[in-house]
Amino acid sequence: KDVIAEVEGWYSCTSDTPDFWRRDLEPYPRHGGRFTGEPAYFKHIIKAGRKLMEKMNLKPSDIDYFVCHQPNPAFPARAAATLGFKPEQYTLGLQVSKFGNTYSGSSPIGLAAILDQAEPHKRIMIVSYGSGAGSDAYVFVTTSQIKDKRDRQKFTVKHQAENKFIKYIDYATYRRFKEGL
């Protein structure tokens, strides 16, 4: 197979939890306040992570890297610790401080940061989160091809986060463009 990682297992969970939404014709989404943390994000991330480890008969120590949805730096660190992961297992994938909250892109960016540095035969758990609410958890194992394929890649997550010549606009600039302010 010509892949850098293979899916070893997965688990999904959902519920009807109104934590974040945008009504028709409203320009901005709204937060459900008290529904955002405990009954939404943490409930789903932790349940999906635990159930996948149970399903696969894994302990946190069997997993080399952990990454989950990153709305801010505190939530994923707390979720990882609750699941039993140590900082050295999740800090490589924690990218929200560099890019901000990219919403559904946050866990894949974290996974990409891990894949940029992971060695062959390393186990990675990723747990996504979507408002509404639900989580999908996957365990990947890197293959022996990861080093060869990585050597062909110039634009790593680290390169994009630290390159002074790549310009990202801030929210205020975006608003001026979008609304003509």
Protein backbone atom coordinates (compact mmCIF):
# COMPACT_ATOMS: atom_id res chain seq x y z
CA LYS A 1 0.00 0.00 0.00
CA ASP A 2 1.18 3.48 -0.84
CA VAL A 3 0.16 5.31 2.35
CA ILE A 4 1.85 7.07 5.26
CA ALA A 5 -0.68 5.85 7.86
CA GLU A 6 -3.44 3.28 8.09
CA VAL A 7 -6.69 3.44 10.05
CA GLU A 8 -6.59 0.89 12.84
CA GLY A 9 -9.98 1.68 14.39
CA TRP A 10 -12.76 4.27 14.80
CA TYR A 11 -15.74 5.23 16.93
CA SER A 12 -18.46 7.89 16.50
CA CYS A 13 -20.97 9.44 18.88
CA THR A 14 -23.62 12.14 18.49
CA SER A 15 -26.34 13.92 20.44
CA ASP A 16 -28.74 16.81 19.98
CA THR A 17 -26.83 19.50 21.89
CA PRO A 18 -27.42 23.09 20.70
CA ASP A 19 -24.02 24.57 21.50
CA PHE A 20 -23.27 26.63 18.36
CA TRP A 21 -25.50 27.60 15.45
CA ARG A 22 -26.33 30.21 12.83
CA ARG A 23 -29.92 30.86 11.78
CA ASP A 24 -30.86 31.64 8.18
CA LEU A 25 -30.07 35.22 7.18
CA GLU A 26 -27.99 35.87 10.32
CA PRO A 27 -24.44 36.92 9.44
CA TYR A 28 -22.80 35.41 12.53
CA PRO A 29 -23.17 32.20 14.49
CA ARG A 30 -24.21 32.14 18.14
CA HIS A 31 -22.84 30.19 21.07
CA GLY A 32 -25.11 28.30 23.40
CA GLY A 33 -23.07 29.57 26.36
CA ARG A 34 -23.54 26.99 29.09
CA PHE A 35 -23.94 24.23 26.48
CA THR A 36 -20.53 24.80 24.89
CA GLY A 37 -18.06 23.18 27.32
CA GLU A 38 -19.27 20.31 29.50
CA PRO A 39 -22.42 19.00 27.81
CA ALA A 40 -21.04 19.48 24.31
CA TYR A 41 -17.28 19.53 23.68
CA PHE A 42 -15.99 17.55 26.67
CA LYS A 43 -18.85 15.04 26.73
CA HIS A 44 -18.32 14.07 23.10
CA ILE A 45 -14.51 14.23 22.87
CA ILE A 46 -14.06 12.19 26.05
CA LYS A 47 -16.79 9.68 25.23
CA ALA A 48 -15.47 9.05 21.70
CA GLY A 49 -11.88 8.74 22.94
CA ARG A 50 -12.76 6.39 25.81
CA LYS A 51 -15.08 4.21 23.73
CA LEU A 52 -12.48 3.84 20.98
CA MET A 53 -9.80 2.84 23.49
CA GLU A 54 -12.24 0.34 25.05
CA LYS A 55 -13.22 -1.04 21.64
CA MET A 56 -9.56 -1.51 20.68
CA ASN A 57 -8.43 -2.60 24.16
CA LEU A 58 -5.92 0.26 24.33
CA LYS A 59 -4.61 2.36 27.19
CA PRO A 60 -3.32 5.93 26.79
CA SER A 61 0.21 4.55 27.13
CA ASP A 62 -0.38 2.44 23.98
CA ILE A 63 -0.89 5.63 21.96
CA ASP A 64 2.11 7.72 20.92
CA TYR A 65 0.27 10.90 19.94
CA PHE A 66 -3.15 12.37 20.70
CA VAL A 67 -4.89 15.28 18.96
CA CYS A 68 -8.44 16.58 19.19
CA HIS A 69 -10.59 19.56 18.18
CA GLN A 70 -8.96 22.82 19.28
CA PRO A 71 -11.28 25.78 19.87
CA ASN A 72 -8.67 27.19 22.29
CA PRO A 73 -5.51 25.87 24.02
CA ALA A 74 -7.23 24.93 27.30
CA PHE A 75 -10.03 22.63 26.07
CA PRO A 76 -7.85 20.06 24.25
CA ALA A 77 -5.26 20.00 27.04
CA ARG A 78 -8.02 19.31 29.59
CA ALA A 79 -9.66 16.65 27.38
CA ALA A 80 -6.31 14.94 26.81
CA ALA A 81 -5.52 14.91 30.54
CA THR A 82 -9.01 13.59 31.37
CA LEU A 83 -8.45 10.72 28.92
CA GLY A 84 -5.12 9.94 30.61
CA PHE A 85 -2.68 11.40 28.07
CA LYS A 86 0.52 13.12 29.12
CA PRO A 87 1.61 16.49 27.68
CA GLU A 88 4.32 14.85 25.56
CA GLN A 89 1.57 12.87 23.80
CA TYR A 90 -0.56 15.89 22.83
CA THR A 91 1.59 19.04 22.66
CA LEU A 92 2.96 18.33 19.15
CA GLY A 93 -0.56 18.34 17.72
CA LEU A 94 -1.73 21.37 19.70
CA GLN A 95 -1.64 24.07 16.99
CA VAL A 96 -4.45 26.46 17.97
CA SER A 97 -2.03 29.02 19.44
CA LYS A 98 -0.34 29.32 16.04
CA PHE A 99 -3.38 29.40 13.74
CA GLY A 100 -6.35 30.31 15.92
CA ASN A 101 -9.61 28.37 15.97
CA THR A 102 -9.93 26.91 12.47
CA TYR A 103 -13.07 25.05 13.58
CA SER A 104 -13.41 21.75 11.68
CA GLY A 105 -9.85 22.19 10.39
CA SER A 106 -8.26 22.23 13.84
CA SER A 107 -7.90 18.49 14.47
CA PRO A 108 -6.65 17.73 10.92
CA ILE A 109 -4.06 20.53 11.24
CA GLY A 110 -2.94 18.94 14.51
CA LEU A 111 -2.78 15.53 12.83
CA ALA A 112 -0.72 17.01 9.97
CA ALA A 113 1.71 18.53 12.50
CA ILE A 114 2.15 15.11 14.09
CA LEU A 115 2.60 13.38 10.73
CA ASP A 116 5.26 15.98 9.86
CA GLN A 117 7.45 14.50 12.61
CA ALA A 118 6.20 11.01 13.48
CA GLU A 119 8.40 7.99 12.91
CA PRO A 120 7.18 4.75 11.32
CA HIS A 121 4.90 2.45 13.34
CA LYS A 122 3.63 5.14 15.71
CA ARG A 123 0.02 5.09 16.89
CA ILE A 124 -1.95 8.35 16.67
CA MET A 125 -5.43 9.02 18.04
CA ILE A 126 -7.44 11.92 16.61
CA VAL A 127 -10.85 12.97 17.94
CA SER A 128 -12.86 15.54 16.01
CA TYR A 129 -15.81 17.53 17.29
CA GLY A 130 -18.71 19.15 15.50
CA SER A 131 -21.27 21.47 16.99
CA GLY A 132 -24.70 20.07 17.26
CA ALA A 133 -22.96 17.79 18.54
CA GLY A 134 -20.78 14.82 17.72
CA SER A 135 -17.29 13.37 17.70
CA ASP A 136 -15.45 10.91 15.50
CA ALA A 137 -12.37 9.20 16.92
CA TYR A 138 -9.77 7.37 14.84
CA VAL A 139 -6.55 5.55 15.56
CA PHE A 140 -3.93 5.63 12.83
CA VAL A 141 -0.63 3.77 12.68
CA THR A 142 2.13 5.31 10.59
CA THR A 143 3.77 3.09 7.97
CA SER A 144 7.37 2.65 6.92
CA GLN A 145 6.70 5.01 3.98
CA ILE A 146 6.17 8.09 6.13
CA LYS A 147 9.82 9.20 6.08
CA ASP A 148 10.21 8.90 2.30
CA LYS A 149 6.99 10.76 1.59
CA ARG A 150 7.70 13.42 4.21
CA ASP A 151 11.08 14.16 2.61
CA ARG A 152 9.21 15.18 -0.56
CA GLN A 153 7.01 17.68 1.29
CA LYS A 154 8.24 21.28 1.58
CA PHE A 155 5.25 22.89 3.25
CA THR A 156 4.98 21.37 6.70
CA VAL A 157 2.64 22.76 9.34
CA LYS A 158 5.67 24.16 11.17
CA HIS A 159 6.84 25.90 7.98
CA GLN A 160 3.43 27.48 7.48
CA ALA A 161 3.18 28.59 11.11
CA GLU A 162 6.68 30.07 11.31
CA ASN A 163 7.36 31.38 7.78
CA LYS A 164 7.58 35.18 7.95
CA PHE A 165 6.81 35.49 4.24
CA ILE A 166 3.40 33.80 4.45
CA LYS A 167 0.86 36.47 5.30
CA TYR A 168 -2.40 35.67 7.05
CA ILE A 169 -5.00 38.35 7.61
CA ASP A 170 -6.42 38.99 11.04
CA TYR A 171 -10.13 39.06 11.87
CA ALA A 172 -10.41 42.86 11.75
CA THR A 173 -8.97 42.91 8.21
CA TYR A 174 -11.33 40.12 7.16
CA ARG A 175 -14.32 42.10 8.48
CA ARG A 176 -13.24 45.20 6.54
CA PHE A 177 -13.04 43.16 3.32
CA LYS A 178 -16.28 41.29 3.93
CA GLU A 179 -18.45 44.15 5.09
CA GLY A 180 -16.69 47.13 3.55
CA LEU A 181 -15.98 48.71 6.94
